Amino acid sequence: MSLINPIWMLTAYASLLASSMPDSDASDPYLWLESIDSGKSLEWVRAQNDSTMAALASGSPFQELYERNLRVYNSVDRIAYPNVHGKFVYNFWMDARNERGLWRRTTVQ
C-alpha cells in the first residue's frame, strides 16, 4: 500500500486553485483605491463624501445630529474599551497624536 505525500497534495491543490483564480488587476476596477495616499484616490473619496453629504443634508434633522455626533467623536473624553486575550489586555486607541490608531497592550495584572 503506498501513501500519498500530503505536501505534494497541498502543492497540487494550491497550483490548481491559483490557476483558476481571475487576475485581480483585471477583475477589480477599483484596485487603485488601495493606494490611500494617492491624489486620485483622495479626490475620488472627496467626491463620494460630497455626494453623500448632499444627500444626507437634504433631511431636516441631519445637521443637528451631525454636529452632536461630531462633538462626541472628536471629544478627548473617551472611554477605552479593552479586550482580554489570554494574559494580555488590548485596546485600539485613536487621538490627535495617533490619527490612524495605535494598538495598546498590557498584562492583566
PDB file of N, CA and C in Angstrom:
ATOM      1  N   MET A   1       0.849  -1.178   0.000  1.00  0.00           N
ATOM      2  CA  MET A   1       0.000   0.000   0.000  1.00  0.00           C
ATOM      3  C   MET A   1       0.897   1.245   0.000  1.00  0.00           C
ATOM      4  N   SER A   2       0.678   2.130  -0.922  1.00  0.00           N
ATOM      5  CA  SER A   2       1.517   3.333  -0.997  1.00  0.00           C
ATOM      6  C   SER A   2       0.768   4.517  -0.393  1.00  0.00           C
ATOM      7  N   LEU A   3       1.509   5.353   0.279  1.00  0.00           N
ATOM      8  CA  LEU A   3       0.938   6.553   0.884  1.00  0.00           C
ATOM      9  C   LEU A   3       1.205   7.755  -0.014  1.00  0.00           C
ATOM     10  N   ILE A   4       0.250   8.619  -0.127  1.00  0.00           N
ATOM     11  CA  ILE A   4       0.417   9.832  -0.926  1.00  0.00           C
ATOM     12  C   ILE A   4       1.003  10.908  -0.022  1.00  0.00           C
ATOM     13  N   ASN A   5       2.023  11.552  -0.494  1.00  0.00           N
ATOM     14  CA  ASN A   5       2.697  12.610   0.259  1.00  0.00           C
ATOM     15  C   ASN A   5       1.742  13.801   0.413  1.00  0.00           C
ATOM     16  N   PRO A   6       1.389  14.193   1.663  1.00  0.00           N
ATOM     17  CA  PRO A   6       0.443  15.308   1.856  1.00  0.00           C
ATOM     18  C   PRO A   6       0.989  16.641   1.354  1.00  0.00           C
ATOM     19  N   ILE A   7       2.302  16.835   1.393  1.00  0.00           N
ATOM     20  CA  ILE A   7       2.894  18.081   0.886  1.00  0.00           C
ATOM     21  C   ILE A   7       2.648  18.199  -0.608  1.00  0.00           C
ATOM     22  N   TRP A   8       2.840  17.090  -1.327  1.00  0.00           N
ATOM     23  CA  TRP A   8       2.612  17.092  -2.764  1.00  0.00           C
ATOM     24  C   TRP A   8       1.151  17.424  -3.064  1.00  0.00           C
ATOM     25  N   MET A   9       0.227  16.848  -2.281  1.00  0.00           N
ATOM     26  CA  MET A   9      -1.201  17.102  -2.496  1.00  0.00           C
ATOM     27  C   MET A   9      -1.540  18.573  -2.268  1.00  0.00           C
ATOM     28  N   LEU A  10      -0.982  19.158  -1.203  1.00  0.00           N
ATOM     29  CA  LEU A  10      -1.242  20.574  -0.929  1.00  0.00           C
ATOM     30  C   LEU A  10      -0.682  21.461  -2.031  1.00  0.00           C
ATOM     31  N   THR A  11       0.510  21.140  -2.507  1.00  0.00           N
ATOM     32  CA  THR A  11       1.123  21.917  -3.581  1.00  0.00           C
ATOM     33  C   THR A  11       0.281  21.833  -4.848  1.00  0.00           C
ATOM     34  N   ALA A  12      -0.171  20.645  -5.175  1.00  0.00           N
ATOM     35  CA  ALA A  12      -1.002  20.458  -6.365  1.00  0.00           C
ATOM     36  C   ALA A  12      -2.314  21.219  -6.231  1.00  0.00           C
ATOM     37  N   TYR A  13      -2.921  21.150  -5.056  1.00  0.00           N
ATOM     38  CA  TYR A  13      -4.185  21.854  -4.831  1.00  0.00           C
ATOM     39  C   TYR A  13      -3.991  23.371  -4.927  1.00  0.00           C
ATOM     40  N   ALA A  14      -2.910  23.884  -4.326  1.00  0.00           N
ATOM     41  CA  ALA A  14      -2.638  25.323  -4.376  1.00  0.00           C
ATOM     42  C   ALA A  14      -2.413  25.789  -5.807  1.00  0.00           C
ATOM     43  N   SER A  15      -1.707  24.992  -6.603  1.00  0.00           N
ATOM     44  CA  SER A  15      -1.472  25.335  -8.011  1.00  0.00           C
ATOM     45  C   SER A  15      -2.777  25.359  -8.786  1.00  0.00           C
ATOM     46  N   LEU A  16      -3.609  24.375  -8.550  1.00  0.00           N
ATOM     47  CA  LEU A  16      -4.908  24.315  -9.218  1.00  0.00           C
ATOM     48  C   LEU A  16      -5.767  25.513  -8.849  1.00  0.00           C
ATOM     49  N   LEU A  17      -5.773  25.846  -7.563  1.00  0.00           N
ATOM     50  CA  LEU A  17      -6.570  26.965  -7.087  1.00  0.00           C
ATOM     51  C   LEU A  17      -6.074  28.281  -7.675  1.00  0.00           C
ATOM     52  N   ALA A  18      -4.771  28.467  -7.690  1.00  0.00           N
ATOM     53  CA  ALA A  18      -4.200  29.708  -8.219  1.00  0.00           C
ATOM     54  C   ALA A  18      -4.477  29.860  -9.704  1.00  0.00           C
ATOM     55  N   SER A  19      -4.442  28.773 -10.445  1.00  0.00           N
ATOM     56  CA  SER A  19      -4.675  28.868 -11.889  1.00  0.00           C
ATOM     57  C   SER A  19      -6.135  29.132 -12.215  1.00  0.00           C
ATOM     58  N   SER A  20      -7.036  28.823 -11.294  1.00  0.00           N
ATOM     59  CA  SER A  20      -8.457  29.033 -11.560  1.00  0.00           C
ATOM     60  C   SER A  20      -8.947  30.404 -11.091  1.00  0.00           C
ATOM     61  N   MET A  21      -8.099  31.140 -10.369  1.00  0.00           N
ATOM     62  CA  MET A  21      -8.498  32.454  -9.868  1.00  0.00           C
ATOM     63  C   MET A  21      -8.271  33.514 -10.935  1.00  0.00           C
ATOM     64  N   PRO A  22      -9.194  34.471 -11.063  1.00  0.00           N
ATOM     65  CA  PRO A  22      -9.021  35.525 -12.067  1.00  0.00           C
ATOM     66  C   PRO A  22      -7.907  36.474 -11.648  1.00  0.00           C
ATOM     67  N   ASP A  23      -7.340  37.133 -12.624  1.00  0.00           N
ATOM     68  CA  ASP A  23      -6.308  38.132 -12.368  1.00  0.00           C
ATOM     69  C   ASP A  23      -6.947  39.293 -11.628  1.00  0.00           C
ATOM     70  N   SER A  24      -6.422  39.623 -10.423  1.00  0.00           N
ATOM     71  CA  SER A  24      -7.059  40.638  -9.588  1.00  0.00           C
ATOM     72  C   SER A  24      -7.012  42.015 -10.226  1.00  0.00           C
ATOM     73  N   ASP A  25      -5.954  42.337 -10.974  1.00  0.00           N
ATOM     74  CA  ASP A  25      -5.864  43.649 -11.617  1.00  0.00           C
ATOM     75  C   ASP A  25      -6.956  43.827 -12.663  1.00  0.00           C
ATOM     76  N   ALA A  26      -7.227  42.763 -13.410  1.00  0.00           N
ATOM     77  CA  ALA A  26      -8.208  42.850 -14.483  1.00  0.00           C
ATOM     78  C   ALA A  26      -9.636  42.806 -13.956  1.00  0.00           C
ATOM     79  N   SER A  27      -9.867  42.130 -12.837  1.00  0.00           N
ATOM     80  CA  SER A  27     -11.233  41.946 -12.366  1.00  0.00           C
ATOM     81  C   SER A  27     -11.668  42.992 -11.346  1.00  0.00           C
ATOM     82  N   ASP A  28     -10.758  43.799 -10.838  1.00  0.00           N
ATOM     83  CA  ASP A  28     -11.118  44.798  -9.832  1.00  0.00           C
ATOM     84  C   ASP A  28     -10.853  46.202 -10.366  1.00  0.00           C
ATOM     85  N   PRO A  29     -11.885  46.869 -10.851  1.00  0.00           N
ATOM     86  CA  PRO A  29     -11.669  48.206 -11.413  1.00  0.00           C
ATOM     87  C   PRO A  29     -11.336  49.258 -10.353  1.00  0.00           C
ATOM     88  N   TYR A  30     -11.493  48.936  -9.076  1.00  0.00           N
ATOM     89  CA  TYR A  30     -11.215  49.896  -8.002  1.00  0.00           C
ATOM     90  C   TYR A  30      -9.942  49.561  -7.228  1.00  0.00           C
ATOM     91  N   LEU A  31      -9.096  48.725  -7.769  1.00  0.00           N
ATOM     92  CA  LEU A  31      -7.863  48.344  -7.100  1.00  0.00           C
ATOM     93  C   LEU A  31      -6.979  49.559  -6.805  1.00  0.00           C
ATOM     94  N   TRP A  32      -7.053  50.566  -7.651  1.00  0.00           N
ATOM     95  CA  TRP A  32      -6.255  51.785  -7.460  1.00  0.00           C
ATOM     96  C   TRP A  32      -6.623  52.511  -6.170  1.00  0.00           C
ATOM     97  N   LEU A  33      -7.787  52.236  -5.592  1.00  0.00           N
ATOM     98  CA  LEU A  33      -8.187  52.879  -4.336  1.00  0.00           C
ATOM     99  C   LEU A  33      -7.383  52.381  -3.145  1.00  0.00           C
ATOM    100  N   GLU A  34      -6.670  51.279  -3.307  1.00  0.00           N
ATOM    101  CA  GLU A  34      -5.856  50.771  -2.210  1.00  0.00           C
ATOM    102  C   GLU A  34      -4.639  51.652  -1.944  1.00  0.00           C
ATOM    103  N   SER A  35      -4.298  52.514  -2.878  1.00  0.00           N
ATOM    104  CA  SER A  35      -3.227  53.494  -2.653  1.00  0.00           C
ATOM    105  C   SER A  35      -3.860  54.676  -1.931  1.00  0.00           C
ATOM    106  N   ILE A  36      -3.955  54.564  -0.604  1.00  0.00           N
ATOM    107  CA  ILE A  36      -4.764  55.506   0.172  1.00  0.00           C
ATOM    108  C   ILE A  36      -4.225  56.921   0.205  1.00  0.00           C
ATOM    109  N   ASP A  37      -2.960  57.120  -0.125  1.00  0.00           N
ATOM    110  CA  ASP A  37      -2.396  58.469  -0.105  1.00  0.00           C
ATOM    111  C   ASP A  37      -2.260  59.078  -1.492  1.00  0.00           C
ATOM    112  N   SER A  38      -2.707  58.385  -2.529  1.00  0.00           N
ATOM    113  CA  SER A  38      -2.562  58.928  -3.878  1.00  0.00           C
ATOM    114  C   SER A  38      -3.591  60.029  -4.111  1.00  0.00           C
ATOM    115  N   GLY A  39      -3.231  60.983  -4.938  1.00  0.00           N
ATOM    116  CA  GLY A  39      -4.127  62.094  -5.251  1.00  0.00           C
ATOM    117  C   GLY A  39      -5.431  61.637  -5.881  1.00  0.00           C
ATOM    118  N   LYS A  40      -5.331  60.647  -6.780  1.00  0.00           N
ATOM    119  CA  LYS A  40      -6.523  60.137  -7.463  1.00  0.00           C
ATOM    120  C   LYS A  40      -7.493  59.508  -6.460  1.00  0.00           C
ATOM    121  N   SER A  41      -6.964  58.711  -5.524  1.00  0.00           N
ATOM    122  CA  SER A  41      -7.814  58.066  -4.515  1.00  0.00           C
ATOM    123  C   SER A  41      -8.472  59.104  -3.615  1.00  0.00           C
ATOM    124  N   LEU A  42      -7.691  60.067  -3.145  1.00  0.00           N
ATOM    125  CA  LEU A  42      -8.236  61.093  -2.250  1.00  0.00           C
ATOM    126  C   LEU A  42      -9.286  61.949  -2.958  1.00  0.00           C
ATOM    127  N   GLU A  43      -9.065  62.245  -4.227  1.00  0.00           N
ATOM    128  CA  GLU A  43     -10.050  63.017  -4.999  1.00  0.00           C
ATOM    129  C   GLU A  43     -11.357  62.238  -5.136  1.00  0.00           C
ATOM    130  N   TRP A  44     -11.259  60.938  -5.403  1.00  0.00           N
ATOM    131  CA  TRP A  44     -12.448  60.098  -5.546  1.00  0.00           C
ATOM    132  C   TRP A  44     -13.221  60.041  -4.227  1.00  0.00           C
ATOM    133  N   VAL A  45     -12.495  59.884  -3.114  1.00  0.00           N
ATOM    134  CA  VAL A  45     -13.142  59.825  -1.801  1.00  0.00           C
ATOM    135  C   VAL A  45     -13.836  61.141  -1.490  1.00  0.00           C
ATOM    136  N   ARG A  46     -13.181  62.254  -1.772  1.00  0.00           N
ATOM    137  CA  ARG A  46     -13.819  63.568  -1.536  1.00  0.00           C
ATOM    138  C   ARG A  46     -15.106  63.712  -2.342  1.00  0.00           C
ATOM    139  N   ALA A  47     -15.084  63.277  -3.602  1.00  0.00           N
ATOM    140  CA  ALA A  47     -16.279  63.345  -4.444  1.00  0.00           C
ATOM    141  C   ALA A  47     -17.397  62.478  -3.873  1.00  0.00           C
ATOM    142  N   GLN A  48     -17.053  61.277  -3.388  1.00  0.00           N
ATOM    143  CA  GLN A  48     -18.059  60.404  -2.792  1.00  0.00           C
ATOM    144  C   GLN A  48     -18.613  61.010  -1.504  1.00  0.00           C
ATOM    145  N   ASN A  49     -17.735  61.608  -0.697  1.00  0.00           N
ATOM    146  CA  ASN A  49     -18.177  62.260   0.539  1.00  0.00           C
ATOM    147  C   ASN A  49     -19.099  63.427   0.244  1.00  0.00           C
ATOM    148  N   ASP A  50     -18.747  64.240  -0.755  1.00  0.00           N
ATOM    149  CA  ASP A  50     -19.587  65.383  -1.115  1.00  0.00           C
ATOM    150  C   ASP A  50     -20.964  64.936  -1.571  1.00  0.00           C
ATOM    151  N   SER A  51     -21.003  63.891  -2.375  1.00  0.00           N
ATOM    152  CA  SER A  51     -22.276  63.365  -2.859  1.00  0.00           C
ATOM    153  C   SER A  51     -23.130  62.842  -1.699  1.00  0.00           C
ATOM    154  N   THR A  52     -22.509  62.119  -0.777  1.00  0.00           N
ATOM    155  CA  THR A  52     -23.220  61.571   0.376  1.00  0.00           C
ATOM    156  C   THR A  52     -23.712  62.688   1.291  1.00  0.00           C
ATOM    157  N   MET A  53     -22.864  63.664   1.553  1.00  0.00           N
ATOM    158  CA  MET A  53     -23.254  64.787   2.426  1.00  0.00           C
ATOM    159  C   MET A  53     -24.427  65.554   1.825  1.00  0.00           C
ATOM    160  N   ALA A  54     -24.418  65.764   0.525  1.00  0.00           N
ATOM    161  CA  ALA A  54     -25.522  66.467  -0.128  1.00  0.00           C
ATOM    162  C   ALA A  54     -26.830  65.695   0.033  1.00  0.00           C
ATOM    163  N   ALA A  55     -26.768  64.374  -0.122  1.00  0.00           N
ATOM    164  CA  ALA A  55     -27.974  63.553   0.027  1.00  0.00           C
ATOM    165  C   ALA A  55     -28.464  63.557   1.471  1.00  0.00           C
ATOM    166  N   LEU A  56     -27.546  63.458   2.426  1.00  0.00           N
ATOM    167  CA  LEU A  56     -27.936  63.426   3.832  1.00  0.00           C
ATOM    168  C   LEU A  56     -28.413  64.791   4.327  1.00  0.00           C
ATOM    169  N   ALA A  57     -27.787  65.846   3.854  1.00  0.00           N
ATOM    170  CA  ALA A  57     -28.128  67.192   4.323  1.00  0.00           C
ATOM    171  C   ALA A  57     -29.508  67.630   3.875  1.00  0.00           C
ATOM    172  N   SER A  58     -30.083  66.949   2.918  1.00  0.00           N
ATOM    173  CA  SER A  58     -31.420  67.335   2.455  1.00  0.00           C
ATOM    174  C   SER A  58     -32.492  67.015   3.493  1.00  0.00           C
ATOM    175  N   GLY A  59     -32.184  66.167   4.473  1.00  0.00           N
ATOM    176  CA  GLY A  59     -33.126  65.856   5.544  1.00  0.00           C
ATOM    177  C   GLY A  59     -33.001  66.884   6.663  1.00  0.00           C
ATOM    178  N   SER A  60     -34.107  67.260   7.315  1.00  0.00           N
ATOM    179  CA  SER A  60     -34.093  68.340   8.308  1.00  0.00           C
ATOM    180  C   SER A  60     -33.298  68.041   9.585  1.00  0.00           C
ATOM    181  N   PRO A  61     -33.343  66.854  10.193  1.00  0.00           N
ATOM    182  CA  PRO A  61     -32.620  66.656  11.454  1.00  0.00           C
ATOM    183  C   PRO A  61     -31.130  66.363  11.269  1.00  0.00           C
ATOM    184  N   PHE A  62     -30.686  66.320  10.034  1.00  0.00           N
ATOM    185  CA  PHE A  62     -29.316  65.884   9.787  1.00  0.00           C
ATOM    186  C   PHE A  62     -28.279  66.782  10.448  1.00  0.00           C
ATOM    187  N   GLN A  63     -28.372  68.090  10.259  1.00  0.00           N
ATOM    188  CA  GLN A  63     -27.329  68.991  10.748  1.00  0.00           C
ATOM    189  C   GLN A  63     -27.162  68.911  12.267  1.00  0.00           C
ATOM    190  N   GLU A  64     -28.281  68.875  12.984  1.00  0.00           N
ATOM    191  CA  GLU A  64     -28.212  68.767  14.448  1.00  0.00           C
ATOM    192  C   GLU A  64     -27.546  67.449  14.873  1.00  0.00           C
ATOM    193  N   LEU A  65     -27.959  66.344  14.261  1.00  0.00           N
ATOM    194  CA  LEU A  65     -27.368  65.045  14.581  1.00  0.00           C
ATOM    195  C   LEU A  65     -25.893  64.995  14.195  1.00  0.00           C
ATOM    196  N   TYR A  66     -25.580  65.567  13.056  1.00  0.00           N
ATOM    197  CA  TYR A  66     -24.197  65.583  12.591  1.00  0.00           C
ATOM    198  C   TYR A  66     -23.306  66.331  13.580  1.00  0.00           C
ATOM    199  N   GLU A  67     -23.711  67.513  13.989  1.00  0.00           N
ATOM    200  CA  GLU A  67     -22.898  68.313  14.909  1.00  0.00           C
ATOM    201  C   GLU A  67     -22.756  67.636  16.274  1.00  0.00           C
ATOM    202  N   ARG A  68     -23.836  67.057  16.776  1.00  0.00           N
ATOM    203  CA  ARG A  68     -23.773  66.372  18.069  1.00  0.00           C
ATOM    204  C   ARG A  68     -22.836  65.161  17.994  1.00  0.00           C
ATOM    205  N   ASN A  69     -22.962  64.367  16.943  1.00  0.00           N
ATOM    206  CA  ASN A  69     -22.099  63.199  16.797  1.00  0.00           C
ATOM    207  C   ASN A  69     -20.647  63.591  16.549  1.00  0.00           C
ATOM    208  N   LEU A  70     -20.425  64.671  15.837  1.00  0.00           N
ATOM    209  CA  LEU A  70     -19.067  65.136  15.596  1.00  0.00           C
ATOM    210  C   LEU A  70     -18.411  65.586  16.902  1.00  0.00           C
ATOM    211  N   ARG A  71     -19.162  66.246  17.763  1.00  0.00           N
ATOM    212  CA  ARG A  71     -18.630  66.651  19.079  1.00  0.00           C
ATOM    213  C   ARG A  71     -18.235  65.428  19.901  1.00  0.00           C
ATOM    214  N   VAL A  72     -19.082  64.417  19.896  1.00  0.00           N
ATOM    215  CA  VAL A  72     -18.781  63.192  20.646  1.00  0.00           C
ATOM    216  C   VAL A  72     -17.562  62.496  20.052  1.00  0.00           C
ATOM    217  N   TYR A  73     -17.511  62.388  18.745  1.00  0.00           N
ATOM    218  CA  TYR A  73     -16.410  61.694  18.070  1.00  0.00           C
ATOM    219  C   TYR A  73     -15.075  62.399  18.319  1.00  0.00           C
ATOM    220  N   ASN A  74     -15.064  63.711  18.297  1.00  0.00           N
ATOM    221  CA  ASN A  74     -13.828  64.475  18.462  1.00  0.00           C
ATOM    222  C   ASN A  74     -13.481  64.779  19.909  1.00  0.00           C
ATOM    223  N   SER A  75     -14.306  64.381  20.825  1.00  0.00           N
ATOM    224  CA  SER A  75     -14.071  64.649  22.235  1.00  0.00           C
ATOM    225  C   SER A  75     -12.808  63.939  22.716  1.00  0.00           C
ATOM    226  N   VAL A  76     -12.061  64.620  23.583  1.00  0.00           N
ATOM    227  CA  VAL A  76     -10.881  63.984  24.175  1.00  0.00           C
ATOM    228  C   VAL A  76     -11.270  63.129  25.375  1.00  0.00           C
ATOM    229  N   ASP A  77     -12.499  63.243  25.834  1.00  0.00           N
ATOM    230  CA  ASP A  77     -13.006  62.431  26.950  1.00  0.00           C
ATOM    231  C   ASP A  77     -13.533  61.118  26.382  1.00  0.00           C
ATOM    232  N   ARG A  78     -12.657  60.162  26.277  1.00  0.00           N
ATOM    233  CA  ARG A  78     -13.033  58.886  25.679  1.00  0.00           C
ATOM    234  C   ARG A  78     -12.875  57.766  26.691  1.00  0.00           C
ATOM    235  N   ILE A  79     -13.642  56.740  26.469  1.00  0.00           N
ATOM    236  CA  ILE A  79     -13.560  55.546  27.299  1.00  0.00           C
ATOM    237  C   ILE A  79     -12.790  54.495  26.505  1.00  0.00           C
ATOM    238  N   ALA A  80     -11.779  53.941  27.126  1.00  0.00           N
ATOM    239  CA  ALA A  80     -11.023  52.871  26.480  1.00  0.00           C
ATOM    240  C   ALA A  80     -11.771  51.563  26.671  1.00  0.00           C
ATOM    241  N   TYR A  81     -12.047  50.872  25.584  1.00  0.00           N
ATOM    242  CA  TYR A  81     -12.739  49.588  25.651  1.00  0.00           C
ATOM    243  C   TYR A  81     -11.721  48.474  25.457  1.00  0.00           C
ATOM    244  N   PRO A  82     -11.367  47.788  26.544  1.00  0.00           N
ATOM    245  CA  PRO A  82     -10.340  46.744  26.439  1.00  0.00           C
ATOM    246  C   PRO A  82     -10.914  45.416  25.968  1.00  0.00           C
ATOM    247  N   ASN A  83     -10.036  44.619  25.397  1.00  0.00           N
ATOM    248  CA  ASN A  83     -10.349  43.240  25.015  1.00  0.00           C
ATOM    249  C   ASN A  83      -9.291  42.351  25.646  1.00  0.00           C
ATOM    250  N   VAL A  84      -9.721  41.363  26.417  1.00  0.00           N
ATOM    251  CA  VAL A  84      -8.789  40.457  27.079  1.00  0.00           C
ATOM    252  C   VAL A  84      -8.611  39.222  26.210  1.00  0.00           C
ATOM    253  N   HIS A  85      -7.344  38.929  25.876  1.00  0.00           N
ATOM    254  CA  HIS A  85      -6.986  37.736  25.111  1.00  0.00           C
ATOM    255  C   HIS A  85      -5.841  37.057  25.852  1.00  0.00           C
ATOM    256  N   GLY A  86      -6.132  35.946  26.480  1.00  0.00           N
ATOM    257  CA  GLY A  86      -5.106  35.240  27.245  1.00  0.00           C
ATOM    258  C   GLY A  86      -4.663  36.078  28.430  1.00  0.00           C
ATOM    259  N   LYS A  87      -3.362  36.274  28.543  1.00  0.00           N
ATOM    260  CA  LYS A  87      -2.850  37.053  29.673  1.00  0.00           C
ATOM    261  C   LYS A  87      -2.620  38.521  29.332  1.00  0.00           C
ATOM    262  N   PHE A  88      -3.131  38.971  28.180  1.00  0.00           N
ATOM    263  CA  PHE A  88      -2.955  40.361  27.765  1.00  0.00           C
ATOM    264  C   PHE A  88      -4.298  41.076  27.595  1.00  0.00           C
ATOM    265  N   VAL A  89      -4.249  42.395  27.773  1.00  0.00           N
ATOM    266  CA  VAL A  89      -5.399  43.265  27.542  1.00  0.00           C
ATOM    267  C   VAL A  89      -5.029  44.179  26.377  1.00  0.00           C
ATOM    268  N   TYR A  90      -5.880  44.226  25.355  1.00  0.00           N
ATOM    269  CA  TYR A  90      -5.625  45.033  24.160  1.00  0.00           C
ATOM    270  C   TYR A  90      -6.652  46.155  24.062  1.00  0.00           C
ATOM    271  N   ASN A  91      -6.234  47.257  23.435  1.00  0.00           N
ATOM    272  CA  ASN A  91      -7.119  48.387  23.209  1.00  0.00           C
ATOM    273  C   ASN A  91      -6.634  49.117  21.953  1.00  0.00           C
ATOM    274  N   PHE A  92      -7.573  49.468  21.074  1.00  0.00           N
ATOM    275  CA  PHE A  92      -7.236  50.270  19.893  1.00  0.00           C
ATOM    276  C   PHE A  92      -7.561  51.717  20.217  1.00  0.00           C
ATOM    277  N   TRP A  93      -6.575  52.591  20.107  1.00  0.00           N
ATOM    278  CA  TRP A  93      -6.724  53.983  20.540  1.00  0.00           C
ATOM    279  C   TRP A  93      -6.391  54.942  19.411  1.00  0.00           C
ATOM    280  N   MET A  94      -7.261  55.936  19.206  1.00  0.00           N
ATOM    281  CA  MET A  94      -7.013  56.995  18.224  1.00  0.00           C
ATOM    282  C   MET A  94      -7.100  58.334  18.937  1.00  0.00           C
ATOM    283  N   ASP A  95      -6.158  59.225  18.635  1.00  0.00           N
ATOM    284  CA  ASP A  95      -6.186  60.578  19.166  1.00  0.00           C
ATOM    285  C   ASP A  95      -5.413  61.477  18.209  1.00  0.00           C
ATOM    286  N   ALA A  96      -5.182  62.728  18.608  1.00  0.00           N
ATOM    287  CA  ALA A  96      -4.509  63.686  17.733  1.00  0.00           C
ATOM    288  C   ALA A  96      -3.097  63.225  17.385  1.00  0.00           C
ATOM    289  N   ARG A  97      -2.421  62.573  18.291  1.00  0.00           N
ATOM    290  CA  ARG A  97      -1.058  62.115  18.040  1.00  0.00           C
ATOM    291  C   ARG A  97      -1.009  60.831  17.211  1.00  0.00           C
ATOM    292  N   ASN A  98      -2.053  60.033  17.298  1.00  0.00           N
ATOM    293  CA  ASN A  98      -2.128  58.757  16.579  1.00  0.00           C
ATOM    294  C   ASN A  98      -3.375  58.755  15.702  1.00  0.00           C
ATOM    295  N   GLU A  99      -3.324  59.499  14.610  1.00  0.00           N
ATOM    296  CA  GLU A  99      -4.501  59.691  13.756  1.00  0.00           C
ATOM    297  C   GLU A  99      -5.012  58.406  13.129  1.00  0.00           C
ATOM    298  N   ARG A 100      -4.119  57.510  12.813  1.00  0.00           N
ATOM    299  CA  ARG A 100      -4.536  56.238  12.198  1.00  0.00           C
ATOM    300  C   ARG A 100      -4.750  55.148  13.229  1.00  0.00           C
ATOM    301  N   GLY A 101      -4.485  55.442  14.470  1.00  0.00           N
ATOM    302  CA  GLY A 101      -4.741  54.496  15.540  1.00  0.00           C
ATOM    303  C   GLY A 101      -3.493  53.795  16.027  1.00  0.00           C
ATOM    304  N   LEU A 102      -3.602  53.275  17.227  1.00  0.00           N
ATOM    305  CA  LEU A 102      -2.491  52.615  17.894  1.00  0.00           C
ATOM    306  C   LEU A 102      -3.048  51.456  18.707  1.00  0.00           C
ATOM    307  N   TRP A 103      -2.478  50.276  18.512  1.00  0.00           N
ATOM    308  CA  TRP A 103      -2.858  49.127  19.330  1.00  0.00           C
ATOM    309  C   TRP A 103      -2.042  49.179  20.605  1.00  0.00           C
ATOM    310  N   ARG A 104      -2.739  49.175  21.733  1.00  0.00           N
ATOM    311  CA  ARG A 104      -2.056  49.171  23.024  1.00  0.00           C
ATOM    312  C   ARG A 104      -2.242  47.799  23.676  1.00  0.00           C
ATOM    313  N   ARG A 105      -1.205  47.362  24.413  1.00  0.00           N
ATOM    314  CA  ARG A 105      -1.264  46.053  25.051  1.00  0.00           C
ATOM    315  C   ARG A 105      -0.629  46.157  26.426  1.00  0.00           C
ATOM    316  N   THR A 106      -1.249  45.483  27.384  1.00  0.00           N
ATOM    317  CA  THR A 106      -0.688  45.382  28.711  1.00  0.00           C
ATOM    318  C   THR A 106      -1.059  44.023  29.291  1.00  0.00           C
ATOM    319  N   THR A 107      -0.490  43.684  30.432  1.00  0.00           N
ATOM    320  CA  THR A 107      -0.833  42.414  31.071  1.00  0.00           C
ATOM    321  C   THR A 107      -2.085  42.600  31.915  1.00  0.00           C
ATOM    322  N   VAL A 108      -2.727  41.501  32.243  1.00  0.00           N
ATOM    323  CA  VAL A 108      -3.960  41.543  33.038  1.00  0.00           C
ATOM    324  C   VAL A 108      -3.659  42.044  34.445  1.00  0.00           C
ATOM    325  N   GLN A 109      -2.544  41.654  35.025  1.00  0.00           N
ATOM    326  CA  GLN A 109      -2.226  42.044  36.404  1.00  0.00           C
ATOM    327  C   GLN A 109      -1.733  43.447  36.503  1.00  0.00           C
TER     328      GLN A 109
END
